[in-house]
Amino acid sequence: MGECTNLFPGVVAAKAGTHTAAQFLPGGKVPDIGDIRTQPALGRTLRRIARHGREAFYTGEAADEMVSILRGLGGAHSTDDFAAHSSDYVCSRSRRNTMITTWSSVRRTGRAWPR
């Protein structure tokens, strides 16, 4: 085992909410290095998003569940907040100059990717 494994399990468990603990503290403990984890609920959600697009995340069952969990933790989120979300899709572009590479985000338009 690595020397950092389970260094502060009590602190992690105390700060984790029930839903977080269920995902990241299997059996109520910090996993050991090399443990294999699965997340079937996440897999189902990702498959729904792949089939139905962004609406599967921002509206419907996924949004309802996230709002319920967040409100239970004291959040003020609503399903309308999720449904109203919009994003700008960007691609990154780099330029190398001597020994430095700089990166910038370029807004993607309806046309081909910026050159």
PDB file of N, CA and C in Angstrom:
ATOM      1  N   MET A   1       0.832  -1.186   0.000  1.00  0.00           N
ATOM      2  CA  MET A   1       0.000   0.000   0.000  1.00  0.00           C
ATOM      3  C   MET A   1       0.869   1.240   0.000  1.00  0.00           C
ATOM      4  N   GLY A   2       0.361   2.310  -0.659  1.00  0.00           N
ATOM      5  CA  GLY A   2       1.087   3.573  -0.686  1.00  0.00           C
ATOM      6  C   GLY A   2       1.013   4.267   0.671  1.00  0.00           C
ATOM      7  N   GLU A   3       1.975   5.120   0.934  1.00  0.00           N
ATOM      8  CA  GLU A   3       2.020   5.772   2.240  1.00  0.00           C
ATOM      9  C   GLU A   3       0.911   6.789   2.453  1.00  0.00           C
ATOM     10  N   CYS A   4       0.249   7.231   1.379  1.00  0.00           N
ATOM     11  CA  CYS A   4      -0.824   8.215   1.532  1.00  0.00           C
ATOM     12  C   CYS A   4      -2.203   7.572   1.623  1.00  0.00           C
ATOM     13  N   THR A   5      -2.301   6.287   1.440  1.00  0.00           N
ATOM     14  CA  THR A   5      -3.590   5.610   1.476  1.00  0.00           C
ATOM     15  C   THR A   5      -4.239   5.758   2.846  1.00  0.00           C
ATOM     16  N   ASN A   6      -5.502   6.126   2.845  1.00  0.00           N
ATOM     17  CA  ASN A   6      -6.297   6.238   4.071  1.00  0.00           C
ATOM     18  C   ASN A   6      -5.654   7.148   5.108  1.00  0.00           C
ATOM     19  N   LEU A   7      -5.031   8.212   4.643  1.00  0.00           N
ATOM     20  CA  LEU A   7      -4.345   9.125   5.542  1.00  0.00           C
ATOM     21  C   LEU A   7      -5.315   9.829   6.496  1.00  0.00           C
ATOM     22  N   PHE A   8      -6.440  10.306   5.951  1.00  0.00           N
ATOM     23  CA  PHE A   8      -7.419  11.019   6.771  1.00  0.00           C
ATOM     24  C   PHE A   8      -8.834  10.508   6.523  1.00  0.00           C
ATOM     25  N   PRO A   9      -9.107   9.233   6.650  1.00  0.00           N
ATOM     26  CA  PRO A   9     -10.438   8.730   6.296  1.00  0.00           C
ATOM     27  C   PRO A   9     -11.547   9.337   7.145  1.00  0.00           C
ATOM     28  N   GLY A  10     -11.305   9.606   8.411  1.00  0.00           N
ATOM     29  CA  GLY A  10     -12.339  10.186   9.260  1.00  0.00           C
ATOM     30  C   GLY A  10     -12.736  11.578   8.809  1.00  0.00           C
ATOM     31  N   VAL A  11     -11.749  12.367   8.407  1.00  0.00           N
ATOM     32  CA  VAL A  11     -12.022  13.729   7.940  1.00  0.00           C
ATOM     33  C   VAL A  11     -12.798  13.676   6.636  1.00  0.00           C
ATOM     34  N   VAL A  12     -12.368  12.837   5.714  1.00  0.00           N
ATOM     35  CA  VAL A  12     -13.053  12.715   4.430  1.00  0.00           C
ATOM     36  C   VAL A  12     -14.485  12.271   4.652  1.00  0.00           C
ATOM     37  N   ALA A  13     -14.698  11.258   5.466  1.00  0.00           N
ATOM     38  CA  ALA A  13     -16.044  10.735   5.714  1.00  0.00           C
ATOM     39  C   ALA A  13     -16.926  11.778   6.387  1.00  0.00           C
ATOM     40  N   ALA A  14     -16.362  12.556   7.310  1.00  0.00           N
ATOM     41  CA  ALA A  14     -17.150  13.563   8.020  1.00  0.00           C
ATOM     42  C   ALA A  14     -17.601  14.678   7.095  1.00  0.00           C
ATOM     43  N   LYS A  15     -16.790  15.024   6.093  1.00  0.00           N
ATOM     44  CA  LYS A  15     -17.126  16.125   5.198  1.00  0.00           C
ATOM     45  C   LYS A  15     -17.980  15.675   4.011  1.00  0.00           C
ATOM     46  N   ALA A  16     -18.011  14.410   3.734  1.00  0.00           N
ATOM     47  CA  ALA A  16     -18.750  13.905   2.580  1.00  0.00           C
ATOM     48  C   ALA A  16     -20.222  13.767   2.920  1.00  0.00           C
ATOM     49  N   GLY A  17     -21.068  14.217   2.009  1.00  0.00           N
ATOM     50  CA  GLY A  17     -22.496  14.006   2.175  1.00  0.00           C
ATOM     51  C   GLY A  17     -22.822  12.552   1.905  1.00  0.00           C
ATOM     52  N   THR A  18     -24.035  12.153   2.197  1.00  0.00           N
ATOM     53  CA  THR A  18     -24.455  10.762   2.004  1.00  0.00           C
ATOM     54  C   THR A  18     -24.238  10.301   0.572  1.00  0.00           C
ATOM     55  N   HIS A  19     -24.621  11.140  -0.405  1.00  0.00           N
ATOM     56  CA  HIS A  19     -24.489  10.749  -1.811  1.00  0.00           C
ATOM     57  C   HIS A  19     -23.028  10.696  -2.235  1.00  0.00           C
ATOM     58  N   THR A  20     -22.243  11.636  -1.752  1.00  0.00           N
ATOM     59  CA  THR A  20     -20.813  11.635  -2.064  1.00  0.00           C
ATOM     60  C   THR A  20     -20.142  10.420  -1.447  1.00  0.00           C
ATOM     61  N   ALA A  21     -20.474  10.146  -0.201  1.00  0.00           N
ATOM     62  CA  ALA A  21     -19.886   8.990   0.477  1.00  0.00           C
ATOM     63  C   ALA A  21     -20.232   7.701  -0.248  1.00  0.00           C
ATOM     64  N   ALA A  22     -21.466   7.586  -0.720  1.00  0.00           N
ATOM     65  CA  ALA A  22     -21.873   6.365  -1.424  1.00  0.00           C
ATOM     66  C   ALA A  22     -21.024   6.147  -2.677  1.00  0.00           C
ATOM     67  N   GLN A  23     -20.615   7.235  -3.333  1.00  0.00           N
ATOM     68  CA  GLN A  23     -19.819   7.124  -4.556  1.00  0.00           C
ATOM     69  C   GLN A  23     -18.335   6.924  -4.281  1.00  0.00           C
ATOM     70  N   PHE A  24     -17.817   7.668  -3.290  1.00  0.00           N
ATOM     71  CA  PHE A  24     -16.368   7.733  -3.137  1.00  0.00           C
ATOM     72  C   PHE A  24     -15.819   7.088  -1.876  1.00  0.00           C
ATOM     73  N   LEU A  25     -16.703   6.607  -1.010  1.00  0.00           N
ATOM     74  CA  LEU A  25     -16.262   5.899   0.199  1.00  0.00           C
ATOM     75  C   LEU A  25     -16.986   4.555   0.276  1.00  0.00           C
ATOM     76  N   PRO A  26     -16.690   3.647  -0.640  1.00  0.00           N
ATOM     77  CA  PRO A  26     -17.385   2.363  -0.637  1.00  0.00           C
ATOM     78  C   PRO A  26     -17.193   1.628   0.687  1.00  0.00           C
ATOM     79  N   GLY A  27     -18.290   1.191   1.267  1.00  0.00           N
ATOM     80  CA  GLY A  27     -18.217   0.517   2.560  1.00  0.00           C
ATOM     81  C   GLY A  27     -17.834   1.467   3.677  1.00  0.00           C
ATOM     82  N   GLY A  28     -17.927   2.793   3.422  1.00  0.00           N
ATOM     83  CA  GLY A  28     -17.621   3.783   4.439  1.00  0.00           C
ATOM     84  C   GLY A  28     -16.141   4.054   4.635  1.00  0.00           C
ATOM     85  N   LYS A  29     -15.292   3.570   3.717  1.00  0.00           N
ATOM     86  CA  LYS A  29     -13.851   3.801   3.880  1.00  0.00           C
ATOM     87  C   LYS A  29     -13.235   4.289   2.579  1.00  0.00           C
ATOM     88  N   VAL A  30     -12.122   4.970   2.711  1.00  0.00           N
ATOM     89  CA  VAL A  30     -11.385   5.433   1.545  1.00  0.00           C
ATOM     90  C   VAL A  30     -10.822   4.209   0.827  1.00  0.00           C
ATOM     91  N   PRO A  31     -11.014   4.110  -0.495  1.00  0.00           N
ATOM     92  CA  PRO A  31     -10.487   2.943  -1.212  1.00  0.00           C
ATOM     93  C   PRO A  31      -8.960   2.874  -1.132  1.00  0.00           C
ATOM     94  N   ASP A  32      -8.461   1.670  -1.158  1.00  0.00           N
ATOM     95  CA  ASP A  32      -7.010   1.463  -1.186  1.00  0.00           C
ATOM     96  C   ASP A  32      -6.508   1.658  -2.608  1.00  0.00           C
ATOM     97  N   ILE A  33      -5.243   1.947  -2.740  1.00  0.00           N
ATOM     98  CA  ILE A  33      -4.628   2.051  -4.060  1.00  0.00           C
ATOM     99  C   ILE A  33      -4.815   0.722  -4.770  1.00  0.00           C
ATOM    100  N   GLY A  34      -5.278   0.786  -6.003  1.00  0.00           N
ATOM    101  CA  GLY A  34      -5.477  -0.413  -6.804  1.00  0.00           C
ATOM    102  C   GLY A  34      -6.879  -0.984  -6.715  1.00  0.00           C
ATOM    103  N   ASP A  35      -7.707  -0.503  -5.773  1.00  0.00           N
ATOM    104  CA  ASP A  35      -9.093  -0.970  -5.703  1.00  0.00           C
ATOM    105  C   ASP A  35      -9.817  -0.601  -6.993  1.00  0.00           C
ATOM    106  N   ILE A  36     -10.703  -1.443  -7.410  1.00  0.00           N
ATOM    107  CA  ILE A  36     -11.496  -1.196  -8.615  1.00  0.00           C
ATOM    108  C   ILE A  36     -12.885  -0.743  -8.181  1.00  0.00           C
ATOM    109  N   ARG A  37     -13.334   0.357  -8.768  1.00  0.00           N
ATOM    110  CA  ARG A  37     -14.653   0.890  -8.436  1.00  0.00           C
ATOM    111  C   ARG A  37     -15.516   0.891  -9.679  1.00  0.00           C
ATOM    112  N   THR A  38     -16.785   0.800  -9.487  1.00  0.00           N
ATOM    113  CA  THR A  38     -17.723   0.969 -10.589  1.00  0.00           C
ATOM    114  C   THR A  38     -18.751   2.006 -10.166  1.00  0.00           C
ATOM    115  N   GLN A  39     -19.348   2.672 -11.132  1.00  0.00           N
ATOM    116  CA  GLN A  39     -20.379   3.656 -10.876  1.00  0.00           C
ATOM    117  C   GLN A  39     -21.534   3.402 -11.855  1.00  0.00           C
ATOM    118  N   PRO A  40     -22.366   2.407 -11.557  1.00  0.00           N
ATOM    119  CA  PRO A  40     -23.437   2.057 -12.479  1.00  0.00           C
ATOM    120  C   PRO A  40     -24.422   3.194 -12.746  1.00  0.00           C
ATOM    121  N   ALA A  41     -24.746   3.999 -11.729  1.00  0.00           N
ATOM    122  CA  ALA A  41     -25.689   5.108 -11.935  1.00  0.00           C
ATOM    123  C   ALA A  41     -25.093   6.135 -12.902  1.00  0.00           C
ATOM    124  N   LEU A  42     -23.808   6.425 -12.761  1.00  0.00           N
ATOM    125  CA  LEU A  42     -23.146   7.346 -13.681  1.00  0.00           C
ATOM    126  C   LEU A  42     -23.156   6.764 -15.098  1.00  0.00           C
ATOM    127  N   GLY A  43     -22.907   5.470 -15.218  1.00  0.00           N
ATOM    128  CA  GLY A  43     -22.947   4.816 -16.525  1.00  0.00           C
ATOM    129  C   GLY A  43     -24.313   4.953 -17.181  1.00  0.00           C
ATOM    130  N   ARG A  44     -25.385   4.756 -16.402  1.00  0.00           N
ATOM    131  CA  ARG A  44     -26.743   4.910 -16.946  1.00  0.00           C
ATOM    132  C   ARG A  44     -26.986   6.343 -17.414  1.00  0.00           C
ATOM    133  N   THR A  45     -26.539   7.303 -16.606  1.00  0.00           N
ATOM    134  CA  THR A  45     -26.726   8.713 -16.973  1.00  0.00           C
ATOM    135  C   THR A  45     -25.958   9.045 -18.245  1.00  0.00           C
ATOM    136  N   LEU A  46     -24.722   8.596 -18.352  1.00  0.00           N
ATOM    137  CA  LEU A  46     -23.922   8.875 -19.548  1.00  0.00           C
ATOM    138  C   LEU A  46     -24.515   8.223 -20.789  1.00  0.00           C
ATOM    139  N   ARG A  47     -25.070   7.021 -20.649  1.00  0.00           N
ATOM    140  CA  ARG A  47     -25.737   6.379 -21.792  1.00  0.00           C
ATOM    141  C   ARG A  47     -26.975   7.170 -22.217  1.00  0.00           C
ATOM    142  N   ARG A  48     -27.736   7.685 -21.234  1.00  0.00           N
ATOM    143  CA  ARG A  48     -28.910   8.510 -21.550  1.00  0.00           C
ATOM    144  C   ARG A  48     -28.487   9.770 -22.301  1.00  0.00           C
ATOM    145  N   ILE A  49     -27.405  10.399 -21.846  1.00  0.00           N
ATOM    146  CA  ILE A  49     -26.918  11.610 -22.516  1.00  0.00           C
ATOM    147  C   ILE A  49     -26.462  11.273 -23.934  1.00  0.00           C
ATOM    148  N   ALA A  50     -25.783  10.159 -24.116  1.00  0.00           N
ATOM    149  CA  ALA A  50     -25.328   9.748 -25.450  1.00  0.00           C
ATOM    150  C   ALA A  50     -26.514   9.532 -26.387  1.00  0.00           C
ATOM    151  N   ARG A  51     -27.590   8.968 -25.859  1.00  0.00           N
ATOM    152  CA  ARG A  51     -28.779   8.702 -26.690  1.00  0.00           C
ATOM    153  C   ARG A  51     -29.616   9.949 -26.956  1.00  0.00           C
ATOM    154  N   HIS A  52     -29.763  10.800 -25.924  1.00  0.00           N
ATOM    155  CA  HIS A  52     -30.741  11.889 -26.019  1.00  0.00           C
ATOM    156  C   HIS A  52     -30.135  13.289 -25.978  1.00  0.00           C
ATOM    157  N   GLY A  53     -28.824  13.403 -25.888  1.00  0.00           N
ATOM    158  CA  GLY A  53     -28.181  14.715 -25.916  1.00  0.00           C
ATOM    159  C   GLY A  53     -28.286  15.471 -24.601  1.00  0.00           C
ATOM    160  N   ARG A  54     -28.001  16.767 -24.674  1.00  0.00           N
ATOM    161  CA  ARG A  54     -27.926  17.617 -23.487  1.00  0.00           C
ATOM    162  C   ARG A  54     -29.206  17.620 -22.674  1.00  0.00           C
ATOM    163  N   GLU A  55     -30.347  17.458 -23.326  1.00  0.00           N
ATOM    164  CA  GLU A  55     -31.622  17.483 -22.606  1.00  0.00           C
ATOM    165  C   GLU A  55     -31.705  16.368 -21.563  1.00  0.00           C
ATOM    166  N   ALA A  56     -31.023  15.270 -21.810  1.00  0.00           N
ATOM    167  CA  ALA A  56     -31.029  14.165 -20.843  1.00  0.00           C
ATOM    168  C   ALA A  56     -30.320  14.545 -19.549  1.00  0.00           C
ATOM    169  N   PHE A  57     -29.466  15.566 -19.600  1.00  0.00           N
ATOM    170  CA  PHE A  57     -28.757  16.013 -18.406  1.00  0.00           C
ATOM    171  C   PHE A  57     -29.444  17.212 -17.770  1.00  0.00           C
ATOM    172  N   TYR A  58     -29.823  18.184 -18.566  1.00  0.00           N
ATOM    173  CA  TYR A  58     -30.330  19.449 -18.036  1.00  0.00           C
ATOM    174  C   TYR A  58     -31.825  19.460 -17.755  1.00  0.00           C
ATOM    175  N   THR A  59     -32.540  18.468 -18.214  1.00  0.00           N
ATOM    176  CA  THR A  59     -33.966  18.366 -17.913  1.00  0.00           C
ATOM    177  C   THR A  59     -34.257  16.905 -17.569  1.00  0.00           C
ATOM    178  N   GLY A  60     -35.396  16.642 -17.035  1.00  0.00           N
ATOM    179  CA  GLY A  60     -35.782  15.262 -16.773  1.00  0.00           C
ATOM    180  C   GLY A  60     -35.165  14.691 -15.517  1.00  0.00           C
ATOM    181  N   GLU A  61     -35.007  13.369 -15.537  1.00  0.00           N
ATOM    182  CA  GLU A  61     -34.605  12.602 -14.353  1.00  0.00           C
ATOM    183  C   GLU A  61     -33.276  13.050 -13.749  1.00  0.00           C
ATOM    184  N   ALA A  62     -32.257  13.274 -14.586  1.00  0.00           N
ATOM    185  CA  ALA A  62     -30.940  13.665 -14.064  1.00  0.00           C
ATOM    186  C   ALA A  62     -31.020  15.015 -13.353  1.00  0.00           C
ATOM    187  N   ALA A  63     -31.652  15.991 -13.984  1.00  0.00           N
ATOM    188  CA  ALA A  63     -31.773  17.320 -13.371  1.00  0.00           C
ATOM    189  C   ALA A  63     -32.602  17.249 -12.095  1.00  0.00           C
ATOM    190  N   ASP A  64     -33.697  16.493 -12.123  1.00  0.00           N
ATOM    191  CA  ASP A  64     -34.536  16.353 -10.928  1.00  0.00           C
ATOM    192  C   ASP A  64     -33.735  15.785  -9.754  1.00  0.00           C
ATOM    193  N   GLU A  65     -32.932  14.760 -10.035  1.00  0.00           N
ATOM    194  CA  GLU A  65     -32.142  14.133  -8.972  1.00  0.00           C
ATOM    195  C   GLU A  65     -31.074  15.086  -8.435  1.00  0.00           C
ATOM    196  N   MET A  66     -30.391  15.790  -9.343  1.00  0.00           N
ATOM    197  CA  MET A  66     -29.357  16.728  -8.893  1.00  0.00           C
ATOM    198  C   MET A  66     -29.955  17.846  -8.046  1.00  0.00           C
ATOM    199  N   VAL A  67     -31.087  18.391  -8.482  1.00  0.00           N
ATOM    200  CA  VAL A  67     -31.730  19.461  -7.719  1.00  0.00           C
ATOM    201  C   VAL A  67     -32.161  18.949  -6.354  1.00  0.00           C
ATOM    202  N   SER A  68     -32.706  17.753  -6.301  1.00  0.00           N
ATOM    203  CA  SER A  68     -33.132  17.178  -5.027  1.00  0.00           C
ATOM    204  C   SER A  68     -31.948  17.037  -4.063  1.00  0.00           C
ATOM    205  N   ILE A  69     -30.840  16.506  -4.560  1.00  0.00           N
ATOM    206  CA  ILE A  69     -29.648  16.329  -3.720  1.00  0.00           C
ATOM    207  C   ILE A  69     -29.094  17.687  -3.286  1.00  0.00           C
ATOM    208  N   LEU A  70     -28.965  18.610  -4.227  1.00  0.00           N
ATOM    209  CA  LEU A  70     -28.398  19.920  -3.903  1.00  0.00           C
ATOM    210  C   LEU A  70     -29.271  20.690  -2.917  1.00  0.00           C
ATOM    211  N   ARG A  71     -30.584  20.618  -3.085  1.00  0.00           N
ATOM    212  CA  ARG A  71     -31.482  21.288  -2.130  1.00  0.00           C
ATOM    213  C   ARG A  71     -31.379  20.651  -0.750  1.00  0.00           C
ATOM    214  N   GLY A  72     -31.219  19.336  -0.718  1.00  0.00           N
ATOM    215  CA  GLY A  72     -31.044  18.636   0.547  1.00  0.00           C
ATOM    216  C   GLY A  72     -29.774  19.055   1.276  1.00  0.00           C
ATOM    217  N   LEU A  73     -28.807  19.550   0.517  1.00  0.00           N
ATOM    218  CA  LEU A  73     -27.547  20.027   1.099  1.00  0.00           C
ATOM    219  C   LEU A  73     -27.572  21.535   1.356  1.00  0.00           C
ATOM    220  N   GLY A  74     -28.753  22.151   1.164  1.00  0.00           N
ATOM    221  CA  GLY A  74     -28.888  23.579   1.438  1.00  0.00           C
ATOM    222  C   GLY A  74     -28.798  24.472   0.219  1.00  0.00           C
ATOM    223  N   GLY A  75     -28.710  23.902  -0.967  1.00  0.00           N
ATOM    224  CA  GLY A  75     -28.616  24.694  -2.191  1.00  0.00           C
ATOM    225  C   GLY A  75     -29.953  25.320  -2.561  1.00  0.00           C
ATOM    226  N   ALA A  76     -29.893  26.306  -3.426  1.00  0.00           N
ATOM    227  CA  ALA A  76     -31.104  26.995  -3.874  1.00  0.00           C
ATOM    228  C   ALA A  76     -31.382  26.702  -5.352  1.00  0.00           C
ATOM    229  N   HIS A  77     -30.831  25.629  -5.867  1.00  0.00           N
ATOM    230  CA  HIS A  77     -30.981  25.273  -7.277  1.00  0.00           C
ATOM    231  C   HIS A  77     -32.427  24.903  -7.591  1.00  0.00           C
ATOM    232  N   SER A  78     -32.801  25.101  -8.852  1.00  0.00           N
ATOM    233  CA  SER A  78     -34.122  24.664  -9.304  1.00  0.00           C
ATOM    234  C   SER A  78     -33.965  23.953 -10.641  1.00  0.00           C
ATOM    235  N   THR A  79     -34.977  23.189 -11.009  1.00  0.00           N
ATOM    236  CA  THR A  79     -34.929  22.522 -12.309  1.00  0.00           C
ATOM    237  C   THR A  79     -34.930  23.560 -13.426  1.00  0.00           C
ATOM    238  N   ASP A  80     -35.548  24.729 -13.180  1.00  0.00           N
ATOM    239  CA  ASP A  80     -35.517  25.803 -14.177  1.00  0.00           C
ATOM    240  C   ASP A  80     -34.086  26.294 -14.410  1.00  0.00           C
ATOM    241  N   ASP A  81     -33.271  26.336 -13.349  1.00  0.00           N
ATOM    242  CA  ASP A  81     -31.864  26.736 -13.496  1.00  0.00           C
ATOM    243  C   ASP A  81     -31.139  25.799 -14.463  1.00  0.00           C
ATOM    244  N   PHE A  82     -31.350  24.510 -14.278  1.00  0.00           N
ATOM    245  CA  PHE A  82     -30.692  23.531 -15.150  1.00  0.00           C
ATOM    246  C   PHE A  82     -31.224  23.641 -16.578  1.00  0.00           C
ATOM    247  N   ALA A  83     -32.542  23.739 -16.736  1.00  0.00           N
ATOM    248  CA  ALA A  83     -33.150  23.800 -18.065  1.00  0.00           C
ATOM    249  C   ALA A  83     -32.710  25.047 -18.832  1.00  0.00           C
ATOM    250  N   ALA A  84     -32.445  26.147 -18.122  1.00  0.00           N
ATOM    251  CA  ALA A  84     -32.064  27.406 -18.772  1.00  0.00           C
ATOM    252  C   ALA A  84     -30.577  27.485 -19.103  1.00  0.00           C
ATOM    253  N   HIS A  85     -29.805  26.492 -18.701  1.00  0.00           N
ATOM    254  CA  HIS A  85     -28.353  26.534 -18.927  1.00  0.00           C
ATOM    255  C   HIS A  85     -28.036  26.563 -20.419  1.00  0.00           C
ATOM    256  N   SER A  86     -27.017  27.340 -20.770  1.00  0.00           N
ATOM    257  CA  SER A  86     -26.498  27.316 -22.142  1.00  0.00           C
ATOM    258  C   SER A  86     -24.976  27.389 -22.067  1.00  0.00           C
ATOM    259  N   SER A  87     -24.327  26.921 -23.097  1.00  0.00           N
ATOM    260  CA  SER A  87     -22.866  26.894 -23.132  1.00  0.00           C
ATOM    261  C   SER A  87     -22.359  27.434 -24.454  1.00  0.00           C
ATOM    262  N   ASP A  88     -21.174  27.983 -24.419  1.00  0.00           N
ATOM    263  CA  ASP A  88     -20.465  28.317 -25.642  1.00  0.00           C
ATOM    264  C   ASP A  88     -19.468  27.202 -25.870  1.00  0.00           C
ATOM    265  N   TYR A  89     -19.500  26.594 -27.031  1.00  0.00           N
ATOM    266  CA  TYR A  89     -18.581  25.517 -27.333  1.00  0.00           C
ATOM    267  C   TYR A  89     -17.317  26.119 -27.916  1.00  0.00           C
ATOM    268  N   VAL A  90     -16.208  25.790 -27.314  1.00  0.00           N
ATOM    269  CA  VAL A  90     -14.940  26.362 -27.730  1.00  0.00           C
ATOM    270  C   VAL A  90     -13.933  25.260 -28.024  1.00  0.00           C
ATOM    271  N   CYS A  91     -12.955  25.610 -28.807  1.00  0.00           N
ATOM    272  CA  CYS A  91     -11.835  24.690 -29.017  1.00  0.00           C
ATOM    273  C   CYS A  91     -10.569  25.427 -28.589  1.00  0.00           C
ATOM    274  N   SER A  92      -9.580  24.696 -28.190  1.00  0.00           N
ATOM    275  CA  SER A  92      -8.342  25.346 -27.765  1.00  0.00           C
ATOM    276  C   SER A  92      -7.369  25.396 -28.933  1.00  0.00           C
ATOM    277  N   ARG A  93      -6.553  26.403 -28.905  1.00  0.00           N
ATOM    278  CA  ARG A  93      -5.585  26.615 -29.959  1.00  0.00           C
ATOM    279  C   ARG A  93      -4.261  26.943 -29.287  1.00  0.00           C
ATOM    280  N   SER A  94      -3.191  26.442 -29.820  1.00  0.00           N
ATOM    281  CA  SER A  94      -1.893  26.723 -29.203  1.00  0.00           C
ATOM    282  C   SER A  94      -0.927  27.306 -30.227  1.00  0.00           C
ATOM    283  N   ARG A  95       0.049  27.997 -29.687  1.00  0.00           N
ATOM    284  CA  ARG A  95       1.124  28.540 -30.516  1.00  0.00           C
ATOM    285  C   ARG A  95       2.413  28.391 -29.729  1.00  0.00           C
ATOM    286  N   ARG A  96       3.392  27.794 -30.362  1.00  0.00           N
ATOM    287  CA  ARG A  96       4.684  27.592 -29.697  1.00  0.00           C
ATOM    288  C   ARG A  96       5.628  28.699 -30.142  1.00  0.00           C
ATOM    289  N   ASN A  97       6.237  29.348 -29.163  1.00  0.00           N
ATOM    290  CA  ASN A  97       7.184  30.420 -29.431  1.00  0.00           C
ATOM    291  C   ASN A  97       8.435  30.153 -28.602  1.00  0.00           C
ATOM    292  N   THR A  98       9.498  29.800 -29.226  1.00  0.00           N
ATOM    293  CA  THR A  98      10.756  29.447 -28.570  1.00  0.00           C
ATOM    294  C   THR A  98      10.513  28.280 -27.614  1.00  0.00           C
ATOM    295  N   MET A  99      10.496  28.535 -26.300  1.00  0.00           N
ATOM    296  CA  MET A  99      10.320  27.451 -25.336  1.00  0.00           C
ATOM    297  C   MET A  99       8.960  27.507 -24.643  1.00  0.00           C
ATOM    298  N   ILE A 100       8.080  28.377 -25.083  1.00  0.00           N
ATOM    299  CA  ILE A 100       6.801  28.569 -24.410  1.00  0.00           C
ATOM    300  C   ILE A 100       5.662  28.225 -25.363  1.00  0.00           C
ATOM    301  N   THR A 101       4.709  27.470 -24.864  1.00  0.00           N
ATOM    302  CA  THR A 101       3.499  27.210 -25.628  1.00  0.00           C
ATOM    303  C   THR A 101       2.359  27.950 -24.953  1.00  0.00           C
ATOM    304  N   THR A 102       1.653  28.764 -25.698  1.00  0.00           N
ATOM    305  CA  THR A 102       0.501  29.474 -25.144  1.00  0.00           C
ATOM    306  C   THR A 102      -0.771  28.853 -25.704  1.00  0.00           C
ATOM    307  N   TRP A 103      -1.782  28.811 -24.879  1.00  0.00           N
ATOM    308  CA  TRP A 103      -3.071  28.239 -25.261  1.00  0.00           C
ATOM    309  C   TRP A 103      -4.141  29.307 -25.147  1.00  0.00           C
ATOM    310  N   SER A 104      -5.120  29.258 -26.026  1.00  0.00           N
ATOM    311  CA  SER A 104      -6.265  30.155 -25.929  1.00  0.00           C
ATOM    312  C   SER A 104      -7.504  29.393 -26.360  1.00  0.00           C
ATOM    313  N   SER A 105      -8.642  29.861 -25.925  1.00  0.00           N
ATOM    314  CA  SER A 105      -9.909  29.257 -26.322  1.00  0.00           C
ATOM    315  C   SER A 105     -10.503  30.075 -27.450  1.00  0.00           C
ATOM    316  N   VAL A 106     -10.989  29.380 -28.449  1.00  0.00           N
ATOM    317  CA  VAL A 106     -11.583  30.026 -29.607  1.00  0.00           C
ATOM    318  C   VAL A 106     -13.036  29.588 -29.675  1.00  0.00           C
ATOM    319  N   ARG A 107     -13.924  30.555 -29.769  1.00  0.00           N
ATOM    320  CA  ARG A 107     -15.346  30.211 -29.814  1.00  0.00           C
ATOM    321  C   ARG A 107     -15.645  29.491 -31.117  1.00  0.00           C
ATOM    322  N   ARG A 108     -16.375  28.405 -31.019  1.00  0.00           N
ATOM    323  CA  ARG A 108     -16.737  27.636 -32.206  1.00  0.00           C
ATOM    324  C   ARG A 108     -17.982  28.239 -32.802  1.00  0.00           C
ATOM    325  N   THR A 109     -17.953  28.459 -34.086  1.00  0.00           N
ATOM    326  CA  THR A 109     -19.113  28.991 -34.787  1.00  0.00           C
ATOM    327  C   THR A 109     -19.836  27.847 -35.474  1.00  0.00           C
ATOM    328  N   GLY A 110     -20.890  28.139 -36.186  1.00  0.00           N
ATOM    329  CA  GLY A 110     -21.609  27.109 -36.929  1.00  0.00           C
ATOM    330  C   GLY A 110     -20.826  26.612 -38.119  1.00  0.00           C
ATOM    331  N   ARG A 111     -19.780  27.339 -38.488  1.00  0.00           N
ATOM    332  CA  ARG A 111     -18.961  26.939 -39.631  1.00  0.00           C
ATOM    333  C   ARG A 111     -17.914  25.919 -39.190  1.00  0.00           C
ATOM    334  N   ALA A 112     -16.951  25.703 -40.040  1.00  0.00           N
ATOM    335  CA  ALA A 112     -15.863  24.778 -39.697  1.00  0.00           C
ATOM    336  C   ALA A 112     -15.090  25.309 -38.502  1.00  0.00           C
ATOM    337  N   TRP A 113     -14.346  24.456 -37.856  1.00  0.00           N
ATOM    338  CA  TRP A 113     -13.507  24.858 -36.702  1.00  0.00           C
ATOM    339  C   TRP A 113     -12.584  25.979 -37.151  1.00  0.00           C
ATOM    340  N   PRO A 114     -12.347  26.961 -36.281  1.00  0.00           N
ATOM    341  CA  PRO A 114     -11.399  28.037 -36.629  1.00  0.00           C
ATOM    342  C   PRO A 114     -10.019  27.467 -36.940  1.00  0.00           C
ATOM    343  N   ARG A 115      -9.337  28.133 -37.826  1.00  0.00           N
ATOM    344  CA  ARG A 115      -7.999  27.660 -38.215  1.00  0.00           C
ATOM    345  C   ARG A 115      -6.927  28.417 -37.489  1.00  0.00           C
TER     346      ARG A 115
END
